[in-house]
Amino acid sequence: MKTTPITKHDISQSVIAVPPLARNADFTINREANAALIRHLESGGVRSLMYGGNANFYHLGVNEYAGVVDFLADTVGEDTWLLPSIGPDYGKALDQAAILRNKPVPTAMLLPMSFPFTNEGLAIGIRRITDALGKPAVIYIKADEYIQPDTLAELFDEGRVTSIKYAVVRNNPDVDPYLRKLVDVIDKDLIVSGIGERPAIIHLRDYGLMSFTSGSVCVAPRGSMHLLHLIKERRFEEAATLREAYLPLEDLRDAISPIRVLHEAVTLSGVADMGPMLPMLSGLSDDTRARVLPAAKALLEHDRGLVSTLAHH
């Protein structure tokens, strides 16, 4: 695991994968399946792994937390970033921050609160949580006006925030007043598009963000990494064509459940058996799995087809 502090350059070099976490039938960690998924991502060039919502860290108990983080830290490659999540509630975030303080992870992502919170309360919490963590955190923004841009700018100036995962879903990402306000007051090089391949071109091209997070990268890492490179090279038409391969699975994730569909897609594609979902989530019905299966298999097959194509670039 890479342990040096994260820089702007590091953020820009890799798609940030947000993988599911494989479990056995008794909900213990499936070490072999998680290792297989990590190797699959790394073989496709991914060097940043963020364990958050897709890994259901929302419901990860404090009693299990240290063991899970240690396992993941021991399993990722020596040049791969491991970015665990904490929270979302204040008490659990503090407890988990204390656990991470003496571990070599470069940062932790604060999962987004949904209720109850205030702007001022978030700022106080972030200050106290980063004090406990002993390092700056990634702030995950999933709702419009979640935290005021000026408040975030103050936290950046205090050295408490390393980056932002911006994941506010818009019908038209071209029109996003909140993101526009954020990039006006915060270094856009430290804001990452947080909603997968679909809005990545617009977020990086039009707002100047430096990279994007992805769940579907867990099925098709080569394509996601190549998409990032195409955008950076301003080859936007090629990027849009490549992105089409991801949309069938992304459409299912949007229509059913981003977390649950991804969890099953990794299994159904044949990458690794993710097993059951940790409560309070549950797996898909047989009918829904039947809808996900062809999309997952097609995306993996598409990614395998890129091996020879990208070798000539």
Protein backbone atom coordinates (compact mmCIF):
# COMPACT_ATOMS: atom_id res chain seq x y z
CA MET A 1 0.00 0.00 0.00
CA LYS A 2 1.23 3.46 -0.87
CA THR A 3 1.51 5.56 2.27
CA THR A 4 2.85 8.98 1.29
CA PRO A 5 0.46 11.98 1.41
CA ILE A 6 -1.82 12.31 -1.62
CA THR A 7 -1.00 15.11 -4.08
CA LYS A 8 -2.90 16.70 -6.97
CA HIS A 9 -0.75 14.66 -9.34
CA ASP A 10 -1.76 11.43 -7.61
CA ILE A 11 -5.46 12.31 -7.87
CA SER A 12 -5.17 12.92 -11.59
CA GLN A 13 -3.35 9.69 -12.44
CA SER A 14 -6.03 7.08 -11.71
CA VAL A 15 -9.73 6.52 -11.77
CA ILE A 16 -10.75 6.11 -8.13
CA ALA A 17 -12.43 2.72 -7.83
CA VAL A 18 -15.21 2.35 -5.26
CA PRO A 19 -15.45 -1.44 -4.96
CA PRO A 20 -17.94 -3.64 -3.15
CA LEU A 21 -16.67 -5.77 -0.26
CA ALA A 22 -16.97 -9.54 -0.62
CA ARG A 23 -18.39 -11.54 2.27
CA ASN A 24 -18.98 -15.19 3.02
CA ALA A 25 -22.42 -16.63 3.77
CA ASP A 26 -21.91 -15.86 7.49
CA PHE A 27 -20.97 -12.23 6.64
CA THR A 28 -17.28 -12.68 7.48
CA ILE A 29 -14.83 -11.16 5.02
CA ASN A 30 -14.11 -13.32 1.97
CA ARG A 31 -10.39 -12.74 1.64
CA GLU A 32 -9.90 -14.65 -1.60
CA ALA A 33 -12.73 -12.89 -3.45
CA ASN A 34 -11.66 -9.43 -2.28
CA ALA A 35 -8.08 -10.14 -3.32
CA ALA A 36 -9.29 -11.32 -6.74
CA LEU A 37 -11.22 -8.07 -7.27
CA ILE A 38 -8.24 -5.97 -6.17
CA ARG A 39 -5.90 -7.81 -8.55
CA HIS A 40 -8.45 -7.36 -11.35
CA LEU A 41 -8.53 -3.60 -10.76
CA GLU A 42 -4.76 -3.29 -10.46
CA SER A 43 -4.19 -5.36 -13.61
CA GLY A 44 -6.31 -2.78 -15.44
CA GLY A 45 -4.14 0.07 -14.20
CA VAL A 46 -6.23 1.33 -11.27
CA ARG A 47 -4.15 2.63 -8.38
CA SER A 48 -6.73 4.26 -6.09
CA LEU A 49 -9.26 2.14 -4.18
CA MET A 50 -11.86 3.89 -2.03
CA TYR A 51 -14.02 1.68 0.18
CA GLY A 52 -17.23 3.56 0.89
CA GLY A 53 -20.86 3.18 -0.07
CA ASN A 54 -20.44 0.30 -2.50
CA ALA A 55 -18.55 -1.59 0.22
CA ASN A 56 -21.38 -0.75 2.64
CA PHE A 57 -19.03 0.93 5.11
CA TYR A 58 -22.17 2.73 6.32
CA HIS A 59 -23.04 -0.41 8.26
CA LEU A 60 -19.53 -1.63 9.08
CA GLY A 61 -19.28 -2.05 12.85
CA VAL A 62 -16.46 -0.45 14.82
CA ASN A 63 -15.62 -3.90 16.22
CA GLU A 64 -14.86 -5.12 12.68
CA TYR A 65 -13.37 -1.92 11.31
CA ALA A 66 -9.68 -2.29 12.19
CA GLY A 67 -9.54 -5.85 10.89
CA VAL A 68 -11.13 -4.94 7.57
CA VAL A 69 -8.79 -1.97 7.03
CA ASP A 70 -5.74 -4.04 7.96
CA PHE A 71 -6.75 -6.80 5.56
CA LEU A 72 -7.27 -4.36 2.69
CA ALA A 73 -3.99 -2.56 3.45
CA ASP A 74 -2.13 -5.88 3.34
CA THR A 75 -3.85 -6.92 0.10
CA VAL A 76 -3.52 -3.91 -2.21
CA GLY A 77 -0.30 -3.50 -4.17
CA GLU A 78 2.61 -1.44 -2.91
CA ASP A 79 1.86 1.41 -5.34
CA THR A 80 -1.92 1.45 -4.71
CA TRP A 81 -3.73 3.99 -2.52
CA LEU A 82 -6.17 2.56 0.02
CA LEU A 83 -8.82 5.09 1.01
CA PRO A 84 -11.21 3.78 3.69
CA SER A 85 -14.37 5.57 4.80
CA ILE A 86 -15.55 6.67 8.22
CA GLY A 87 -18.93 7.68 9.62
CA PRO A 88 -21.35 8.94 8.52
CA ASP A 89 -22.51 9.75 12.06
CA TYR A 90 -20.24 11.81 14.30
CA GLY A 91 -19.78 9.24 17.05
CA LYS A 92 -18.79 6.38 14.73
CA ALA A 93 -16.56 8.68 12.68
CA LEU A 94 -14.67 9.72 15.80
CA ASP A 95 -14.21 6.10 16.89
CA GLN A 96 -13.05 5.04 13.44
CA ALA A 97 -10.75 8.07 13.10
CA ALA A 98 -9.04 7.06 16.33
CA ILE A 99 -8.49 3.57 14.88
CA LEU A 100 -7.03 4.98 11.65
CA ARG A 101 -4.79 7.54 13.36
CA ASN A 102 -1.89 5.12 13.74
CA LYS A 103 -2.45 3.25 10.48
CA PRO A 104 -0.53 4.21 7.34
CA VAL A 105 -3.57 5.15 5.22
CA PRO A 106 -3.11 8.64 3.72
CA THR A 107 -6.66 9.83 4.38
CA ALA A 108 -10.22 8.70 5.02
CA MET A 109 -13.46 9.69 3.35
CA LEU A 110 -16.22 11.06 5.56
CA LEU A 111 -19.44 9.42 4.37
CA PRO A 112 -22.27 11.91 3.76
CA MET A 113 -24.84 12.64 6.41
CA SER A 114 -28.50 12.56 5.41
CA PHE A 115 -30.09 13.60 8.75
CA PRO A 116 -29.72 15.43 11.11
CA PHE A 117 -27.02 18.03 10.47
CA THR A 118 -26.37 21.73 9.82
CA ASN A 119 -23.66 23.50 7.86
CA GLU A 120 -22.02 24.82 11.03
CA GLY A 121 -22.38 21.44 12.72
CA LEU A 122 -20.65 19.70 9.81
CA ALA A 123 -17.75 22.13 10.04
CA ILE A 124 -17.36 21.55 13.77
CA GLY A 125 -17.58 17.81 13.24
CA ILE A 126 -15.02 17.79 10.42
CA ARG A 127 -12.60 19.78 12.56
CA ARG A 128 -12.91 17.40 15.50
CA ILE A 129 -12.86 14.27 13.33
CA THR A 130 -9.72 15.37 11.46
CA ASP A 131 -8.10 16.20 14.82
CA ALA A 132 -8.80 12.63 15.90
CA LEU A 133 -7.63 11.27 12.54
CA GLY A 134 -4.42 13.31 12.57
CA LYS A 135 -4.67 13.97 8.81
CA PRO A 136 -7.01 15.67 6.34
CA ALA A 137 -10.13 13.88 5.11
CA VAL A 138 -12.00 13.45 1.85
CA ILE A 139 -15.44 15.07 2.01
CA TYR A 140 -18.20 13.20 0.17
CA ILE A 141 -20.88 15.56 -1.19
CA LYS A 142 -23.99 13.70 -2.34
CA ALA A 143 -26.75 16.29 -1.86
CA ASP A 144 -27.27 19.79 -3.24
CA GLU A 145 -25.92 22.53 -0.94
CA TYR A 146 -24.76 19.85 1.52
CA ILE A 147 -22.12 22.18 2.91
CA GLN A 148 -21.55 25.80 1.98
CA PRO A 149 -18.65 26.44 -0.42
CA ASP A 150 -17.16 29.14 1.82
CA THR A 151 -17.21 26.72 4.76
CA LEU A 152 -15.39 24.10 2.71
CA ALA A 153 -12.87 26.71 1.59
CA GLU A 154 -12.12 27.52 5.24
CA LEU A 155 -11.61 23.84 6.02
CA PHE A 156 -9.26 23.51 3.03
CA ASP A 157 -7.30 26.55 4.23
CA GLU A 158 -6.99 24.93 7.68
CA GLY A 159 -5.51 21.81 6.07
CA ARG A 160 -8.43 19.60 7.09
CA VAL A 161 -9.63 18.50 3.65
CA THR A 162 -7.51 16.68 1.09
CA SER A 163 -10.16 16.45 -1.65
CA ILE A 164 -13.88 16.38 -2.38
CA LYS A 165 -15.89 13.57 -3.95
CA TYR A 166 -18.69 15.43 -5.73
CA ALA A 167 -21.68 13.17 -6.39
CA VAL A 168 -24.75 15.39 -6.71
CA VAL A 169 -26.86 13.80 -9.45
CA ARG A 170 -28.29 16.22 -12.03
CA ASN A 171 -30.64 15.52 -14.90
CA ASN A 172 -28.32 17.77 -16.88
CA PRO A 173 -24.78 17.97 -15.43
CA ASP A 174 -24.10 20.88 -17.78
CA VAL A 175 -26.17 23.01 -15.40
CA ASP A 176 -24.86 22.68 -11.84
CA PRO A 177 -24.82 25.94 -9.87
CA TYR A 178 -23.52 24.24 -6.70
CA LEU A 179 -20.52 22.70 -8.45
CA ARG A 180 -19.87 26.01 -10.18
CA LYS A 181 -19.76 27.75 -6.79
CA LEU A 182 -17.41 25.09 -5.43
CA VAL A 183 -14.88 25.42 -8.25
CA ASP A 184 -14.98 29.20 -7.86
CA VAL A 185 -13.71 29.08 -4.26
CA ILE A 186 -11.85 25.75 -4.06
CA ASP A 187 -8.94 24.47 -6.14
CA LYS A 188 -10.75 22.41 -8.80
CA ASP A 189 -7.74 20.11 -9.00
CA LEU A 190 -8.87 18.75 -5.62
CA ILE A 191 -12.47 18.01 -6.60
CA VAL A 192 -13.23 14.59 -8.07
CA SER A 193 -16.31 13.71 -10.11
CA GLY A 194 -18.07 11.14 -7.95
CA ILE A 195 -20.82 9.60 -10.11
CA GLY A 196 -19.04 7.22 -12.46
CA GLU A 197 -18.50 7.36 -16.20
CA ARG A 198 -21.77 9.06 -17.21
CA PRO A 199 -20.98 12.70 -16.20
CA ALA A 200 -17.19 12.31 -16.23
CA ILE A 201 -16.59 14.01 -19.59
CA ILE A 202 -18.64 17.09 -18.68
CA HIS A 203 -17.21 17.32 -15.15
CA LEU A 204 -13.60 17.11 -16.32
CA ARG A 205 -13.97 19.10 -19.55
CA ASP A 206 -16.32 21.88 -18.46
CA TYR A 207 -15.65 22.21 -14.72
CA GLY A 208 -11.97 21.29 -14.69
CA LEU A 209 -12.19 18.38 -12.24
CA MET A 210 -9.15 16.11 -12.23
CA SER A 211 -10.48 12.56 -12.12
CA PHE A 212 -13.59 10.52 -11.42
CA THR A 213 -14.73 7.72 -9.16
CA SER A 214 -16.31 4.61 -10.59
CA GLY A 215 -18.10 1.47 -9.51
CA SER A 216 -18.29 -0.09 -12.97
CA VAL A 217 -14.50 0.12 -13.12
CA CYS A 218 -14.64 -2.98 -10.91
CA VAL A 219 -15.96 -4.91 -13.92
CA ALA A 220 -14.07 -3.03 -16.64
CA PRO A 221 -10.95 -1.26 -15.33
CA ARG A 222 -9.04 -0.87 -18.60
CA GLY A 223 -11.86 1.02 -20.25
CA SER A 224 -12.36 3.37 -17.31
CA MET A 225 -8.66 4.16 -17.16
CA HIS A 226 -8.53 4.72 -20.92
CA LEU A 227 -11.59 6.96 -20.67
CA LEU A 228 -9.73 9.11 -18.14
CA HIS A 229 -6.72 9.34 -20.43
CA LEU A 230 -8.85 10.23 -23.47
CA ILE A 231 -10.55 13.06 -21.55
CA LYS A 232 -7.21 14.41 -20.38
CA GLU A 233 -5.96 14.32 -23.96
CA ARG A 234 -9.14 16.21 -24.98
CA ARG A 235 -10.20 13.39 -27.30
CA PHE A 236 -13.80 13.86 -26.27
CA GLU A 237 -15.52 12.11 -29.18
CA GLU A 238 -13.46 8.97 -28.61
CA ALA A 239 -14.18 9.22 -24.89
CA ALA A 240 -17.93 9.45 -25.53
CA THR A 241 -17.78 6.40 -27.78
CA LEU A 242 -15.90 4.39 -25.16
CA ARG A 243 -18.32 5.48 -22.44
CA GLU A 244 -21.23 3.88 -24.35
CA ALA A 245 -20.02 0.44 -23.23
CA TYR A 246 -20.67 1.41 -19.58
CA LEU A 247 -24.16 2.84 -19.98
CA PRO A 248 -26.22 -0.39 -20.00
CA LEU A 249 -24.89 -1.34 -16.56
CA GLU A 250 -25.03 2.26 -15.34
CA ASP A 251 -28.65 2.50 -16.50
CA LEU A 252 -29.51 -0.55 -14.40
CA ARG A 253 -27.68 0.87 -11.41
CA ASP A 254 -29.60 4.13 -11.72
CA ALA A 255 -32.95 2.38 -12.19
CA ILE A 256 -32.61 -0.22 -9.43
CA SER A 257 -29.85 0.55 -6.92
CA PRO A 258 -26.27 1.68 -7.62
CA ILE A 259 -24.82 -0.29 -4.71
CA ARG A 260 -26.83 -3.50 -5.04
CA VAL A 261 -26.52 -3.77 -8.81
CA LEU A 262 -22.75 -3.25 -8.70
CA HIS A 263 -22.35 -5.85 -5.95
CA GLU A 264 -24.18 -8.42 -8.07
CA ALA A 265 -22.54 -7.31 -11.33
CA VAL A 266 -19.06 -8.11 -10.05
CA THR A 267 -20.28 -11.60 -9.17
CA LEU A 268 -22.31 -12.17 -12.34
CA SER A 269 -19.53 -10.96 -14.64
CA GLY A 270 -17.25 -13.64 -13.20
CA VAL A 271 -14.66 -11.25 -11.74
CA ALA A 272 -15.18 -12.45 -8.14
CA ASP A 273 -18.00 -13.77 -5.98
CA MET A 274 -19.07 -10.92 -3.73
CA GLY A 275 -21.42 -13.12 -1.68
CA PRO A 276 -24.29 -11.66 0.36
CA MET A 277 -24.73 -8.00 1.15
CA LEU A 278 -24.19 -6.85 4.71
CA PRO A 279 -27.46 -5.72 6.35
CA MET A 280 -29.22 -3.36 6.22
CA LEU A 281 -28.90 -4.00 2.46
CA SER A 282 -29.95 -7.15 0.61
CA GLY A 283 -29.25 -8.75 -2.74
CA LEU A 284 -31.30 -8.55 -5.92
CA SER A 285 -34.26 -10.73 -6.83
CA ASP A 286 -33.76 -13.51 -9.37
CA ASP A 287 -35.63 -11.51 -12.01
CA THR A 288 -33.45 -8.45 -11.45
CA ARG A 289 -30.27 -10.51 -11.46
CA ALA A 290 -31.34 -11.86 -14.85
CA ARG A 291 -31.45 -8.28 -16.14
CA VAL A 292 -28.01 -7.45 -14.73
CA LEU A 293 -26.27 -10.61 -15.96
CA PRO A 294 -25.99 -9.78 -19.69
CA ALA A 295 -24.94 -6.18 -19.03
CA ALA A 296 -22.22 -7.27 -16.59
CA LYS A 297 -20.88 -9.98 -18.89
CA ALA A 298 -20.92 -7.69 -21.92
CA LEU A 299 -18.98 -4.98 -20.09
CA LEU A 300 -16.29 -7.42 -18.93
CA GLU A 301 -16.02 -8.86 -22.44
CA HIS A 302 -15.68 -5.35 -23.86
CA ASP A 303 -12.88 -4.62 -21.41
CA ARG A 304 -11.04 -7.80 -22.31
CA GLY A 305 -11.27 -6.78 -25.94
CA LEU A 306 -9.38 -3.58 -25.13
CA VAL A 307 -6.24 -5.47 -24.12
CA SER A 308 -4.90 -5.80 -27.66
CA THR A 309 -6.29 -2.43 -28.76
CA LEU A 310 -4.61 -0.49 -25.96
CA ALA A 311 -1.35 -2.39 -26.40
CA HIS A 312 -0.91 -0.55 -29.72
CA HIS A 313 -1.37 2.91 -28.18
